[in-house]
Amino acid sequence: MTDKELLYIEDVLGHEQFLKTACEHAREQVQDQKLKSMISDLEQRHDRLFKSFYSLLNS
């Protein structure tokens, strides 16, 4: 991978980690179970994306 590609992946990892954490905090704040479930799904999606991008570094 080129240096530029590695920097891109580093940025994406940071964004995905931020979005997962933001979802985590939002989920803790809401009372509505349906909304809480939706936010939890988004949190899991960002976690999977983070792991997918991270795995690119170990390839």
C-alpha atoms as a PDB file:
ATOM      1  CA  MET A   1       0.000   0.000   0.000  1.00  0.00           C
ATOM      2  CA  THR A   2       1.166   3.514  -0.688  1.00  0.00           C
ATOM      3  CA  ASP A   3       1.686   6.094   2.039  1.00  0.00           C
ATOM      4  CA  LYS A   4      -1.362   7.986   0.784  1.00  0.00           C
ATOM      5  CA  GLU A   5      -3.546   4.872   1.001  1.00  0.00           C
ATOM      6  CA  LEU A   6      -2.338   4.205   4.537  1.00  0.00           C
ATOM      7  CA  LEU A   7      -3.176   7.778   5.543  1.00  0.00           C
ATOM      8  CA  TYR A   8      -6.641   7.368   4.049  1.00  0.00           C
ATOM      9  CA  ILE A   9      -7.225   4.181   6.036  1.00  0.00           C
ATOM     10  CA  GLU A  10      -5.956   5.897   9.192  1.00  0.00           C
ATOM     11  CA  ASP A  11      -8.469   8.724   8.641  1.00  0.00           C
ATOM     12  CA  VAL A  12     -11.285   6.270   8.004  1.00  0.00           C
ATOM     13  CA  LEU A  13     -10.408   4.328  11.163  1.00  0.00           C
ATOM     14  CA  GLY A  14     -10.557   7.534  13.187  1.00  0.00           C
ATOM     15  CA  HIS A  15     -13.915   8.485  11.687  1.00  0.00           C
ATOM     16  CA  GLU A  16     -15.409   5.052  12.271  1.00  0.00           C
ATOM     17  CA  GLN A  17     -14.171   4.996  15.857  1.00  0.00           C
ATOM     18  CA  PHE A  18     -15.635   8.471  16.444  1.00  0.00           C
ATOM     19  CA  LEU A  19     -18.993   7.489  14.908  1.00  0.00           C
ATOM     20  CA  LYS A  20     -19.158   4.289  16.964  1.00  0.00           C
ATOM     21  CA  THR A  21     -18.447   6.248  20.154  1.00  0.00           C
ATOM     22  CA  ALA A  22     -21.030   8.901  19.206  1.00  0.00           C
ATOM     23  CA  CYS A  23     -23.626   6.159  18.691  1.00  0.00           C
ATOM     24  CA  GLU A  24     -22.681   4.623  22.031  1.00  0.00           C
ATOM     25  CA  HIS A  25     -23.251   7.920  23.844  1.00  0.00           C
ATOM     26  CA  ALA A  26     -26.497   8.603  21.978  1.00  0.00           C
ATOM     27  CA  ARG A  27     -27.813   5.117  22.762  1.00  0.00           C
ATOM     28  CA  GLU A  28     -27.180   5.700  26.473  1.00  0.00           C
ATOM     29  CA  GLN A  29     -29.142   8.968  26.360  1.00  0.00           C
ATOM     30  CA  VAL A  30     -32.358   7.912  24.607  1.00  0.00           C
ATOM     31  CA  GLN A  31     -35.313   6.306  26.329  1.00  0.00           C
ATOM     32  CA  ASP A  32     -37.303   5.071  23.319  1.00  0.00           C
ATOM     33  CA  GLN A  33     -36.494   1.384  22.769  1.00  0.00           C
ATOM     34  CA  LYS A  34     -37.069   1.499  19.022  1.00  0.00           C
ATOM     35  CA  LEU A  35     -34.674   4.411  18.628  1.00  0.00           C
ATOM     36  CA  LYS A  36     -32.206   2.774  21.009  1.00  0.00           C
ATOM     37  CA  SER A  37     -32.281  -0.357  18.833  1.00  0.00           C
ATOM     38  CA  MET A  38     -31.693   1.686  15.663  1.00  0.00           C
ATOM     39  CA  ILE A  39     -28.733   3.459  17.236  1.00  0.00           C
ATOM     40  CA  SER A  40     -27.359   0.133  18.438  1.00  0.00           C
ATOM     41  CA  ASP A  41     -27.538  -1.197  14.864  1.00  0.00           C
ATOM     42  CA  LEU A  42     -25.601   1.845  13.636  1.00  0.00           C
ATOM     43  CA  GLU A  43     -23.050   1.351  16.386  1.00  0.00           C
ATOM     44  CA  GLN A  44     -22.533  -2.274  15.328  1.00  0.00           C
ATOM     45  CA  ARG A  45     -22.266  -1.252  11.670  1.00  0.00           C
ATOM     46  CA  HIS A  46     -19.521   1.262  12.471  1.00  0.00           C
ATOM     47  CA  ASP A  47     -17.742  -1.363  14.569  1.00  0.00           C
ATOM     48  CA  ARG A  48     -17.808  -3.819  11.636  1.00  0.00           C
ATOM     49  CA  LEU A  49     -16.541  -1.139   9.255  1.00  0.00           C
ATOM     50  CA  PHE A  50     -13.731  -0.269  11.656  1.00  0.00           C
ATOM     51  CA  LYS A  51     -12.715  -3.925  11.874  1.00  0.00           C
ATOM     52  CA  SER A  52     -12.878  -4.310   8.075  1.00  0.00           C
ATOM     53  CA  PHE A  53     -10.636  -1.333   7.461  1.00  0.00           C
ATOM     54  CA  TYR A  54      -8.306  -2.389  10.274  1.00  0.00           C
ATOM     55  CA  SER A  55      -7.954  -5.822   8.712  1.00  0.00           C
ATOM     56  CA  LEU A  56      -6.619  -4.151   5.561  1.00  0.00           C
ATOM     57  CA  LEU A  57      -3.589  -3.087   7.588  1.00  0.00           C
ATOM     58  CA  ASN A  58      -2.876  -6.686   8.572  1.00  0.00           C
ATOM     59  CA  SER A  59      -3.097  -8.044   5.022  1.00  0.00           C
END
